[in-house]
Amino acid sequence: MATWNSRGLRGSTLEELINRTNDQYREKGLALIQKIPTPITPVKMDKNSRHITLAYFEQKSTVDYIGAVQGIPVCFDAKECCVKTFPLANIHPHQVAFMEEFEKQKGIAFFLIYFSADNVFYYLTLRKLKEFWNRMEAGGRKSFRREELDDEFYLPGRSGFLVPYLEGVQKDLQLRD
């Protein structure tokens, strides 16, 4: 069984930015997206601070966020990468399977990737991920490079939202029509 020991704080800045963006979207009536907590069972706790210092995951998590955008079901996972090559090991087969099932139910599934070294956000469609995933499963690269990504899915920093992923959702929908 997988255990957690302080690594759980990785991506907490990204998570906070997304949570604040979700609050903005909700306040403006644009979307209702919630963070899905990962169920854990505490093993050790610091008695003084009452913080969990060691725990195990009760089950595999699927995605970080789920909700609706103007009546369209949406789910996504947030990933942070500090280099220009994203390892596919950061994405788990059960996540891909869940997202495929989600899209079969007429939802939109995607990954939000924050390339921290360049301070840019990228909206990775499930379709594009599947290209990289299938290549890996066929014995190819186990990662993808930023230059392999479609420029149109980089999220602008000028929209008034911290992580303007609804712009990615809109482009994603346009390509499906």
Protein backbone atom coordinates (compact mmCIF):
# COMPACT_ATOMS: atom_id res chain seq x y z
CA MET A 1 0.00 0.00 0.00
CA ALA A 2 1.29 3.48 -0.86
CA THR A 3 2.30 5.75 1.99
CA TRP A 4 2.53 9.48 2.32
CA ASN A 5 5.27 11.28 4.22
CA SER A 6 5.55 15.04 3.55
CA ARG A 7 5.48 14.56 -0.24
CA GLY A 8 1.82 15.47 0.00
CA LEU A 9 2.71 19.15 -0.05
CA ARG A 10 4.15 18.96 -3.56
CA GLY A 11 2.06 21.11 -5.86
CA SER A 12 0.33 22.87 -2.97
CA THR A 13 1.08 26.29 -4.51
CA LEU A 14 -0.42 25.16 -7.81
CA GLU A 15 -3.40 23.73 -5.95
CA GLU A 16 -3.92 27.03 -4.13
CA LEU A 17 -3.82 28.96 -7.43
CA ILE A 18 -6.39 26.60 -8.95
CA ASN A 19 -8.61 26.76 -5.85
CA ARG A 20 -8.59 30.56 -5.97
CA THR A 21 -9.38 30.46 -9.70
CA ASN A 22 -12.26 28.06 -8.98
CA ASP A 23 -13.59 30.53 -6.42
CA GLN A 24 -13.44 33.33 -9.03
CA TYR A 25 -15.23 31.18 -11.61
CA ARG A 26 -17.93 30.25 -9.07
CA GLU A 27 -18.43 33.88 -7.98
CA LYS A 28 -18.88 34.95 -11.61
CA GLY A 29 -21.27 32.05 -12.31
CA LEU A 30 -18.96 30.58 -14.96
CA ALA A 31 -18.23 27.19 -13.39
CA LEU A 32 -18.61 25.10 -10.28
CA ILE A 33 -15.47 23.02 -9.74
CA GLN A 34 -14.44 21.27 -6.53
CA LYS A 35 -11.20 19.78 -5.29
CA ILE A 36 -11.54 16.06 -4.65
CA PRO A 37 -9.76 15.11 -1.42
CA THR A 38 -7.58 12.01 -1.50
CA PRO A 39 -8.76 9.67 1.25
CA ILE A 40 -5.93 8.82 3.66
CA THR A 41 -5.64 6.90 6.91
CA PRO A 42 -3.27 8.50 9.44
CA VAL A 43 -0.55 6.25 10.88
CA LYS A 44 1.52 8.78 12.86
CA MET A 45 0.61 12.18 14.22
CA ASP A 46 2.69 14.86 15.84
CA LYS A 47 1.05 15.16 19.28
CA ASN A 48 2.04 18.81 19.74
CA SER A 49 0.88 20.22 16.41
CA ARG A 50 -1.74 17.52 15.70
CA HIS A 51 -0.41 17.24 12.13
CA ILE A 52 -0.35 13.94 10.30
CA THR A 53 3.27 12.93 9.72
CA LEU A 54 2.69 9.50 8.16
CA ALA A 55 -0.38 8.08 6.44
CA TYR A 56 -1.40 5.61 3.77
CA PHE A 57 -3.77 6.13 0.89
CA GLU A 58 -7.06 4.28 1.33
CA GLN A 59 -7.61 4.04 -2.42
CA LYS A 60 -6.18 5.30 -5.70
CA SER A 61 -7.29 8.81 -6.50
CA THR A 62 -8.69 9.50 -9.94
CA VAL A 63 -8.55 13.25 -10.58
CA ASP A 64 -7.87 16.35 -8.53
CA TYR A 65 -10.92 18.37 -9.60
CA ILE A 66 -14.43 17.70 -10.85
CA GLY A 67 -17.48 19.83 -11.58
CA ALA A 68 -19.41 21.57 -14.32
CA VAL A 69 -18.76 24.44 -16.72
CA GLN A 70 -21.98 25.95 -18.09
CA GLY A 71 -23.67 22.56 -17.77
CA ILE A 72 -20.77 20.54 -19.20
CA PRO A 73 -19.21 17.95 -16.86
CA VAL A 74 -15.48 18.60 -16.39
CA CYS A 75 -12.71 16.75 -14.59
CA PHE A 76 -9.01 17.44 -14.50
CA ASP A 77 -5.79 16.68 -12.75
CA ALA A 78 -3.10 19.25 -11.97
CA LYS A 79 0.58 18.46 -12.42
CA GLU A 80 3.68 20.54 -11.85
CA CYS A 81 6.89 20.13 -13.83
CA CYS A 82 10.14 22.03 -13.26
CA VAL A 83 11.84 21.00 -16.52
CA LYS A 84 10.90 21.08 -20.23
CA THR A 85 10.28 17.31 -20.39
CA PHE A 86 7.21 15.88 -18.66
CA PRO A 87 7.52 12.26 -17.49
CA LEU A 88 4.42 10.19 -18.19
CA ALA A 89 5.15 8.29 -14.96
CA ASN A 90 3.49 11.29 -13.26
CA ILE A 91 0.20 10.13 -14.75
CA HIS A 92 -1.25 6.80 -13.67
CA PRO A 93 -3.13 4.28 -15.83
CA HIS A 94 -6.19 4.38 -13.56
CA GLN A 95 -6.38 8.17 -14.07
CA VAL A 96 -6.31 7.78 -17.85
CA ALA A 97 -8.95 5.03 -17.67
CA PHE A 98 -11.22 7.21 -15.48
CA MET A 99 -10.82 10.19 -17.81
CA GLU A 100 -11.63 8.06 -20.87
CA GLU A 101 -14.81 6.83 -19.17
CA PHE A 102 -15.64 10.41 -18.16
CA GLU A 103 -15.40 11.59 -21.77
CA LYS A 104 -17.55 8.65 -22.94
CA GLN A 105 -20.25 10.17 -20.70
CA LYS A 106 -19.98 13.45 -22.67
CA GLY A 107 -17.68 15.16 -20.18
CA ILE A 108 -14.39 16.93 -20.76
CA ALA A 109 -11.24 15.58 -19.14
CA PHE A 110 -7.85 17.27 -19.21
CA PHE A 111 -4.61 17.91 -17.37
CA LEU A 112 -3.43 21.31 -16.20
CA ILE A 113 0.35 21.34 -16.29
CA TYR A 114 2.35 24.08 -14.66
CA PHE A 115 5.86 24.39 -16.08
CA SER A 116 7.29 26.15 -13.04
CA ALA A 117 10.72 26.99 -14.49
CA ASP A 118 9.03 29.14 -17.14
CA ASN A 119 5.97 30.09 -15.08
CA VAL A 120 3.51 28.91 -17.74
CA PHE A 121 0.33 26.88 -17.59
CA TYR A 122 -0.67 24.37 -20.23
CA TYR A 123 -4.05 22.77 -20.91
CA LEU A 124 -3.34 19.21 -22.04
CA THR A 125 -6.35 17.62 -23.71
CA LEU A 126 -6.97 13.96 -23.05
CA ARG A 127 -6.65 13.42 -26.83
CA LYS A 128 -3.11 14.82 -26.85
CA LEU A 129 -2.15 12.89 -23.74
CA LYS A 130 -3.38 9.70 -25.42
CA GLU A 131 -0.99 10.34 -28.34
CA PHE A 132 1.94 10.42 -25.92
CA TRP A 133 0.51 7.53 -23.87
CA ASN A 134 0.04 5.29 -26.91
CA ARG A 135 3.57 6.10 -28.08
CA MET A 136 4.91 5.06 -24.67
CA GLU A 137 2.89 1.83 -24.66
CA ALA A 138 4.24 1.02 -28.13
CA GLY A 139 7.79 1.17 -26.72
CA GLY A 140 8.51 4.83 -27.45
CA ARG A 141 9.42 7.76 -25.22
CA LYS A 142 8.15 7.67 -21.64
CA SER A 143 7.83 11.45 -21.62
CA PHE A 144 6.96 14.36 -23.86
CA ARG A 145 8.81 17.59 -24.55
CA ARG A 146 7.29 21.05 -24.47
CA GLU A 147 8.08 21.55 -28.15
CA GLU A 148 5.69 18.65 -28.91
CA LEU A 149 2.77 20.59 -27.42
CA ASP A 150 0.27 22.66 -29.42
CA ASP A 151 0.95 26.37 -28.85
CA GLU A 152 -2.76 27.21 -28.82
CA PHE A 153 -3.27 25.43 -25.47
CA TYR A 154 -0.84 27.53 -23.43
CA LEU A 155 -2.99 29.55 -21.05
CA PRO A 156 -2.60 33.33 -21.16
CA GLY A 157 -1.51 35.21 -18.06
CA ARG A 158 -3.52 38.31 -18.92
CA SER A 159 -7.12 37.16 -18.50
CA GLY A 160 -7.69 38.30 -14.91
CA PHE A 161 -7.74 34.73 -13.60
CA LEU A 162 -4.78 33.08 -11.89
CA VAL A 163 -5.09 29.87 -13.94
CA PRO A 164 -7.48 30.65 -16.83
CA TYR A 165 -8.25 27.05 -17.74
CA LEU A 166 -11.73 27.88 -19.05
CA GLU A 167 -9.98 29.30 -22.11
CA GLY A 168 -8.53 25.84 -22.69
CA VAL A 169 -11.96 24.26 -22.17
CA GLN A 170 -13.40 26.63 -24.79
CA LYS A 171 -10.70 25.74 -27.35
CA ASP A 172 -11.13 22.05 -26.55
CA LEU A 173 -14.89 22.32 -27.20
CA GLN A 174 -14.34 24.18 -30.50
CA LEU A 175 -12.08 21.38 -31.75
CA ARG A 176 -14.73 18.75 -30.91
CA ASP A 177 -17.46 20.41 -32.99
